[in-house]
């Protein structure tokens, strides 16, 4: 199966990892995570290429390599 070039990103709230999302960019990973939790798009503010703020909390994403499961 061919790769679609998306990466896995670890989504963090502060220093705590809260999830992993597959996305085209770190910001997209965070926004998709928050949308999946029920956060409204008009409450999410982009703060850079890998960070957003939602209701005063900062969320970031960094690329991770997941171990393949067999």
PDB file of N, CA and C in Angstrom:
ATOM      1  N   UNK A   1       0.844  -1.176   0.000  1.00  0.00           N
ATOM      2  CA  UNK A   1       0.000   0.000   0.000  1.00  0.00           C
ATOM      3  C   UNK A   1       0.895   1.247   0.000  1.00  0.00           C
ATOM      4  N   UNK A   2       0.612   2.191  -0.839  1.00  0.00           N
ATOM      5  CA  UNK A   2       1.408   3.404  -0.949  1.00  0.00           C
ATOM      6  C   UNK A   2       1.097   4.370   0.198  1.00  0.00           C
ATOM      7  N   UNK A   3       2.133   5.085   0.627  1.00  0.00           N
ATOM      8  CA  UNK A   3       1.959   6.079   1.681  1.00  0.00           C
ATOM      9  C   UNK A   3       1.330   7.341   1.109  1.00  0.00           C
ATOM     10  N   UNK A   4       0.447   7.960   1.857  1.00  0.00           N
ATOM     11  CA  UNK A   4      -0.179   9.201   1.394  1.00  0.00           C
ATOM     12  C   UNK A   4       0.580  10.428   1.902  1.00  0.00           C
ATOM     13  N   UNK A   5       1.749  10.233   2.491  1.00  0.00           N
ATOM     14  CA  UNK A   5       2.648  11.286   2.961  1.00  0.00           C
ATOM     15  C   UNK A   5       2.189  11.979   4.241  1.00  0.00           C
ATOM     16  N   UNK A   6       1.078  11.551   4.831  1.00  0.00           N
ATOM     17  CA  UNK A   6       0.693  12.114   6.123  1.00  0.00           C
ATOM     18  C   UNK A   6       1.585  11.505   7.197  1.00  0.00           C
ATOM     19  N   UNK A   7       1.745  12.224   8.301  1.00  0.00           N
ATOM     20  CA  UNK A   7       2.562  11.752   9.423  1.00  0.00           C
ATOM     21  C   UNK A   7       1.683  11.553  10.645  1.00  0.00           C
ATOM     22  N   UNK A   8       2.197  10.783  11.589  1.00  0.00           N
ATOM     23  CA  UNK A   8       1.542  10.645  12.883  1.00  0.00           C
ATOM     24  C   UNK A   8       2.076  11.732  13.794  1.00  0.00           C
ATOM     25  N   UNK A   9       1.175  12.413  14.486  1.00  0.00           N
ATOM     26  CA  UNK A   9       1.547  13.491  15.394  1.00  0.00           C
ATOM     27  C   UNK A   9       1.032  13.187  16.787  1.00  0.00           C
ATOM     28  N   UNK A  10       1.887  13.422  17.778  1.00  0.00           N
ATOM     29  CA  UNK A  10       1.486  13.333  19.176  1.00  0.00           C
ATOM     30  C   UNK A  10       0.890  14.678  19.563  1.00  0.00           C
ATOM     31  N   UNK A  11      -0.337  14.673  20.036  1.00  0.00           N
ATOM     32  CA  UNK A  11      -1.021  15.896  20.442  1.00  0.00           C
ATOM     33  C   UNK A  11      -0.854  16.041  21.946  1.00  0.00           C
ATOM     34  N   UNK A  12      -0.410  17.232  22.370  1.00  0.00           N
ATOM     35  CA  UNK A  12      -0.140  17.474  23.786  1.00  0.00           C
ATOM     36  C   UNK A  12      -0.918  18.671  24.298  1.00  0.00           C
ATOM     37  N   UNK A  13      -1.333  18.574  25.549  1.00  0.00           N
ATOM     38  CA  UNK A  13      -1.905  19.693  26.282  1.00  0.00           C
ATOM     39  C   UNK A  13      -0.888  20.018  27.356  1.00  0.00           C
ATOM     40  N   UNK A  14      -0.219  21.164  27.189  1.00  0.00           N
ATOM     41  CA  UNK A  14       0.908  21.446  28.074  1.00  0.00           C
ATOM     42  C   UNK A  14       2.009  20.449  27.779  1.00  0.00           C
ATOM     43  N   UNK A  15       2.476  19.732  28.817  1.00  0.00           N
ATOM     44  CA  UNK A  15       3.502  18.702  28.619  1.00  0.00           C
ATOM     45  C   UNK A  15       2.905  17.304  28.539  1.00  0.00           C
ATOM     46  N   UNK A  16       1.601  17.194  28.686  1.00  0.00           N
ATOM     47  CA  UNK A  16       0.948  15.880  28.728  1.00  0.00           C
ATOM     48  C   UNK A  16       0.468  15.445  27.346  1.00  0.00           C
ATOM     49  N   UNK A  17       0.913  14.277  26.896  1.00  0.00           N
ATOM     50  CA  UNK A  17       0.439  13.721  25.627  1.00  0.00           C
ATOM     51  C   UNK A  17      -0.994  13.231  25.827  1.00  0.00           C
ATOM     52  N   UNK A  18      -1.886  13.631  24.922  1.00  0.00           N
ATOM     53  CA  UNK A  18      -3.300  13.279  25.076  1.00  0.00           C
ATOM     54  C   UNK A  18      -3.847  12.483  23.902  1.00  0.00           C
ATOM     55  N   UNK A  19      -3.060  12.332  22.850  1.00  0.00           N
ATOM     56  CA  UNK A  19      -3.549  11.553  21.727  1.00  0.00           C
ATOM     57  C   UNK A  19      -2.575  11.554  20.567  1.00  0.00           C
ATOM     58  N   UNK A  20      -2.883  10.728  19.569  1.00  0.00           N
ATOM     59  CA  UNK A  20      -2.094  10.662  18.338  1.00  0.00           C
ATOM     60  C   UNK A  20      -3.060  10.803  17.182  1.00  0.00           C
ATOM     61  N   UNK A  21      -2.690  11.641  16.229  1.00  0.00           N
ATOM     62  CA  UNK A  21      -3.515  11.857  15.026  1.00  0.00           C
ATOM     63  C   UNK A  21      -2.639  11.765  13.795  1.00  0.00           C
ATOM     64  N   UNK A  22      -3.196  11.248  12.713  1.00  0.00           N
ATOM     65  CA  UNK A  22      -2.519  11.187  11.419  1.00  0.00           C
ATOM     66  C   UNK A  22      -3.017  12.374  10.606  1.00  0.00           C
ATOM     67  N   UNK A  23      -2.084  13.248  10.163  1.00  0.00           N
ATOM     68  CA  UNK A  23      -2.490  14.480   9.495  1.00  0.00           C
ATOM     69  C   UNK A  23      -1.387  14.977   8.566  1.00  0.00           C
ATOM     70  N   UNK A  24      -1.736  15.982   7.769  1.00  0.00           N
ATOM     71  CA  UNK A  24      -0.790  16.611   6.848  1.00  0.00           C
ATOM     72  C   UNK A  24       0.130  17.577   7.558  1.00  0.00           C
ATOM     73  N   UNK A  25      -0.314  18.179   8.665  1.00  0.00           N
ATOM     74  CA  UNK A  25       0.496  19.166   9.389  1.00  0.00           C
ATOM     75  C   UNK A  25       0.209  19.062  10.884  1.00  0.00           C
ATOM     76  N   UNK A  26       1.112  19.594  11.711  1.00  0.00           N
ATOM     77  CA  UNK A  26       0.863  19.569  13.159  1.00  0.00           C
ATOM     78  C   UNK A  26      -0.400  20.328  13.554  1.00  0.00           C
ATOM     79  N   UNK A  27      -0.627  21.503  12.952  1.00  0.00           N
ATOM     80  CA  UNK A  27      -1.819  22.281  13.303  1.00  0.00           C
ATOM     81  C   UNK A  27      -3.089  21.508  12.944  1.00  0.00           C
ATOM     82  N   UNK A  28      -3.082  20.849  11.785  1.00  0.00           N
ATOM     83  CA  UNK A  28      -4.250  20.056  11.395  1.00  0.00           C
ATOM     84  C   UNK A  28      -4.495  18.923  12.388  1.00  0.00           C
ATOM     85  N   UNK A  29      -3.426  18.297  12.868  1.00  0.00           N
ATOM     86  CA  UNK A  29      -3.568  17.214  13.842  1.00  0.00           C
ATOM     87  C   UNK A  29      -4.247  17.701  15.117  1.00  0.00           C
ATOM     88  N   UNK A  30      -3.819  18.863  15.608  1.00  0.00           N
ATOM     89  CA  UNK A  30      -4.410  19.411  16.836  1.00  0.00           C
ATOM     90  C   UNK A  30      -5.862  19.795  16.605  1.00  0.00           C
ATOM     91  N   UNK A  31      -6.147  20.454  15.497  1.00  0.00           N
ATOM     92  CA  UNK A  31      -7.518  20.885  15.208  1.00  0.00           C
ATOM     93  C   UNK A  31      -8.433  19.676  15.048  1.00  0.00           C
ATOM     94  N   UNK A  32      -7.971  18.637  14.351  1.00  0.00           N
ATOM     95  CA  UNK A  32      -8.771  17.419  14.197  1.00  0.00           C
ATOM     96  C   UNK A  32      -9.016  16.746  15.550  1.00  0.00           C
ATOM     97  N   UNK A  33      -8.005  16.741  16.408  1.00  0.00           N
ATOM     98  CA  UNK A  33      -8.181  16.159  17.741  1.00  0.00           C
ATOM     99  C   UNK A  33      -9.254  16.912  18.517  1.00  0.00           C
ATOM    100  N   UNK A  34      -9.132  18.245  18.552  1.00  0.00           N
ATOM    101  CA  UNK A  34     -10.098  19.048  19.302  1.00  0.00           C
ATOM    102  C   UNK A  34     -11.497  18.943  18.718  1.00  0.00           C
ATOM    103  N   UNK A  35     -11.615  18.919  17.401  1.00  0.00           N
ATOM    104  CA  UNK A  35     -12.929  18.767  16.763  1.00  0.00           C
ATOM    105  C   UNK A  35     -13.546  17.423  17.151  1.00  0.00           C
ATOM    106  N   UNK A  36     -12.719  16.399  17.230  1.00  0.00           N
ATOM    107  CA  UNK A  36     -13.203  15.078  17.640  1.00  0.00           C
ATOM    108  C   UNK A  36     -13.673  15.045  19.080  1.00  0.00           C
ATOM    109  N   UNK A  37     -13.183  15.969  19.896  1.00  0.00           N
ATOM    110  CA  UNK A  37     -13.606  16.075  21.293  1.00  0.00           C
ATOM    111  C   UNK A  37     -14.834  16.963  21.461  1.00  0.00           C
ATOM    112  N   UNK A  38     -15.319  17.530  20.347  1.00  0.00           N
ATOM    113  CA  UNK A  38     -16.522  18.344  20.402  1.00  0.00           C
ATOM    114  C   UNK A  38     -16.276  19.842  20.496  1.00  0.00           C
ATOM    115  N   UNK A  39     -15.025  20.274  20.344  1.00  0.00           N
ATOM    116  CA  UNK A  39     -14.726  21.707  20.395  1.00  0.00           C
ATOM    117  C   UNK A  39     -15.196  22.378  19.112  1.00  0.00           C
ATOM    118  N   UNK A  40     -15.779  23.562  19.251  1.00  0.00           N
ATOM    119  CA  UNK A  40     -16.253  24.304  18.081  1.00  0.00           C
ATOM    120  C   UNK A  40     -15.094  24.994  17.386  1.00  0.00           C
ATOM    121  N   UNK A  41     -15.129  25.025  16.067  1.00  0.00           N
ATOM    122  CA  UNK A  41     -14.063  25.628  15.283  1.00  0.00           C
ATOM    123  C   UNK A  41     -13.860  27.099  15.551  1.00  0.00           C
ATOM    124  N   UNK A  42     -14.943  27.817  15.882  1.00  0.00           N
ATOM    125  CA  UNK A  42     -14.798  29.259  16.122  1.00  0.00           C
ATOM    126  C   UNK A  42     -14.163  29.564  17.485  1.00  0.00           C
ATOM    127  N   UNK A  43     -13.926  28.551  18.310  1.00  0.00           N
ATOM    128  CA  UNK A  43     -13.257  28.734  19.597  1.00  0.00           C
ATOM    129  C   UNK A  43     -11.769  28.386  19.532  1.00  0.00           C
ATOM    130  N   UNK A  44     -11.315  27.849  18.390  1.00  0.00           N
ATOM    131  CA  UNK A  44      -9.931  27.410  18.232  1.00  0.00           C
ATOM    132  C   UNK A  44      -9.151  28.495  17.501  1.00  0.00           C
ATOM    133  N   UNK A  45      -8.027  28.910  18.086  1.00  0.00           N
ATOM    134  CA  UNK A  45      -7.192  29.967  17.503  1.00  0.00           C
ATOM    135  C   UNK A  45      -5.818  29.380  17.196  1.00  0.00           C
ATOM    136  N   UNK A  46      -5.397  29.469  15.930  1.00  0.00           N
ATOM    137  CA  UNK A  46      -4.052  29.015  15.548  1.00  0.00           C
ATOM    138  C   UNK A  46      -3.017  29.978  16.104  1.00  0.00           C
ATOM    139  N   UNK A  47      -1.978  29.420  16.719  1.00  0.00           N
ATOM    140  CA  UNK A  47      -0.914  30.233  17.294  1.00  0.00           C
ATOM    141  C   UNK A  47       0.420  30.016  16.589  1.00  0.00           C
ATOM    142  N   UNK A  48       0.449  29.168  15.604  1.00  0.00           N
ATOM    143  CA  UNK A  48       1.675  28.879  14.875  1.00  0.00           C
ATOM    144  C   UNK A  48       1.503  27.606  14.084  1.00  0.00           C
ATOM    145  N   UNK A  49       2.593  27.107  13.508  1.00  0.00           N
ATOM    146  CA  UNK A  49       2.482  25.919  12.657  1.00  0.00           C
ATOM    147  C   UNK A  49       2.185  24.630  13.414  1.00  0.00           C
ATOM    148  N   UNK A  50       2.405  24.627  14.729  1.00  0.00           N
ATOM    149  CA  UNK A  50       2.161  23.405  15.494  1.00  0.00           C
ATOM    150  C   UNK A  50       1.382  23.635  16.786  1.00  0.00           C
ATOM    151  N   UNK A  51       0.741  24.783  16.935  1.00  0.00           N
ATOM    152  CA  UNK A  51       0.046  25.081  18.189  1.00  0.00           C
ATOM    153  C   UNK A  51      -1.261  25.817  17.953  1.00  0.00           C
ATOM    154  N   UNK A  52      -2.235  25.503  18.802  1.00  0.00           N
ATOM    155  CA  UNK A  52      -3.501  26.216  18.810  1.00  0.00           C
ATOM    156  C   UNK A  52      -3.887  26.460  20.266  1.00  0.00           C
ATOM    157  N   UNK A  53      -4.779  27.417  20.459  1.00  0.00           N
ATOM    158  CA  UNK A  53      -5.312  27.704  21.792  1.00  0.00           C
ATOM    159  C   UNK A  53      -6.814  27.494  21.742  1.00  0.00           C
ATOM    160  N   UNK A  54      -7.330  26.816  22.760  1.00  0.00           N
ATOM    161  CA  UNK A  54      -8.773  26.615  22.900  1.00  0.00           C
ATOM    162  C   UNK A  54      -9.131  26.936  24.340  1.00  0.00           C
ATOM    163  N   UNK A  55      -9.955  27.955  24.518  1.00  0.00           N
ATOM    164  CA  UNK A  55     -10.408  28.386  25.851  1.00  0.00           C
ATOM    165  C   UNK A  55      -9.258  28.561  26.838  1.00  0.00           C
ATOM    166  N   UNK A  56      -8.163  29.162  26.368  1.00  0.00           N
ATOM    167  CA  UNK A  56      -7.030  29.452  27.237  1.00  0.00           C
ATOM    168  C   UNK A  56      -6.004  28.341  27.359  1.00  0.00           C
ATOM    169  N   UNK A  57      -6.302  27.160  26.891  1.00  0.00           N
ATOM    170  CA  UNK A  57      -5.360  26.045  26.960  1.00  0.00           C
ATOM    171  C   UNK A  57      -4.597  25.931  25.643  1.00  0.00           C
ATOM    172  N   UNK A  58      -3.294  25.713  25.733  1.00  0.00           N
ATOM    173  CA  UNK A  58      -2.464  25.574  24.541  1.00  0.00           C
ATOM    174  C   UNK A  58      -2.270  24.095  24.225  1.00  0.00           C
ATOM    175  N   UNK A  59      -2.492  23.759  22.971  1.00  0.00           N
ATOM    176  CA  UNK A  59      -2.315  22.398  22.471  1.00  0.00           C
ATOM    177  C   UNK A  59      -1.270  22.432  21.369  1.00  0.00           C
ATOM    178  N   UNK A  60      -0.340  21.466  21.390  1.00  0.00           N
ATOM    179  CA  UNK A  60       0.701  21.385  20.378  1.00  0.00           C
ATOM    180  C   UNK A  60       0.748  19.978  19.800  1.00  0.00           C
ATOM    181  N   UNK A  61       1.455  19.854  18.679  1.00  0.00           N
ATOM    182  CA  UNK A  61       1.642  18.542  18.062  1.00  0.00           C
ATOM    183  C   UNK A  61       3.063  18.417  17.558  1.00  0.00           C
ATOM    184  N   UNK A  62       3.639  17.229  17.729  1.00  0.00           N
ATOM    185  CA  UNK A  62       4.974  16.934  17.223  1.00  0.00           C
ATOM    186  C   UNK A  62       4.936  15.589  16.514  1.00  0.00           C
ATOM    187  N   UNK A  63       5.722  15.429  15.453  1.00  0.00           N
ATOM    188  CA  UNK A  63       5.725  14.164  14.730  1.00  0.00           C
ATOM    189  C   UNK A  63       6.275  13.033  15.595  1.00  0.00           C
ATOM    190  N   UNK A  64       5.710  11.856  15.434  1.00  0.00           N
ATOM    191  CA  UNK A  64       6.174  10.668  16.154  1.00  0.00           C
ATOM    192  C   UNK A  64       6.252   9.501  15.177  1.00  0.00           C
ATOM    193  N   UNK A  65       7.121   8.570  15.496  1.00  0.00           N
ATOM    194  CA  UNK A  65       7.201   7.334  14.727  1.00  0.00           C
ATOM    195  C   UNK A  65       6.545   6.236  15.554  1.00  0.00           C
ATOM    196  N   UNK A  66       5.488   5.674  15.031  1.00  0.00           N
ATOM    197  CA  UNK A  66       4.786   4.609  15.737  1.00  0.00           C
ATOM    198  C   UNK A  66       5.420   3.264  15.378  1.00  0.00           C
ATOM    199  N   UNK A  67       5.521   2.397  16.352  1.00  0.00           N
ATOM    200  CA  UNK A  67       6.027   1.054  16.119  1.00  0.00           C
ATOM    201  C   UNK A  67       4.980   0.251  15.365  1.00  0.00           C
ATOM    202  N   UNK A  68       5.383  -0.468  14.321  1.00  0.00           N
ATOM    203  CA  UNK A  68       4.393  -1.301  13.613  1.00  0.00           C
ATOM    204  C   UNK A  68       3.927  -2.449  14.501  1.00  0.00           C
ATOM    205  N   UNK A  69       2.654  -2.763  14.424  1.00  0.00           N
ATOM    206  CA  UNK A  69       2.116  -3.898  15.193  1.00  0.00           C
ATOM    207  C   UNK A  69       1.921  -5.070  14.263  1.00  0.00           C
ATOM    208  N   UNK A  70       2.303  -6.222  14.764  1.00  0.00           N
ATOM    209  CA  UNK A  70       2.193  -7.441  13.942  1.00  0.00           C
ATOM    210  C   UNK A  70       1.170  -8.371  14.532  1.00  0.00           C
TER     211      UNK A  70
END
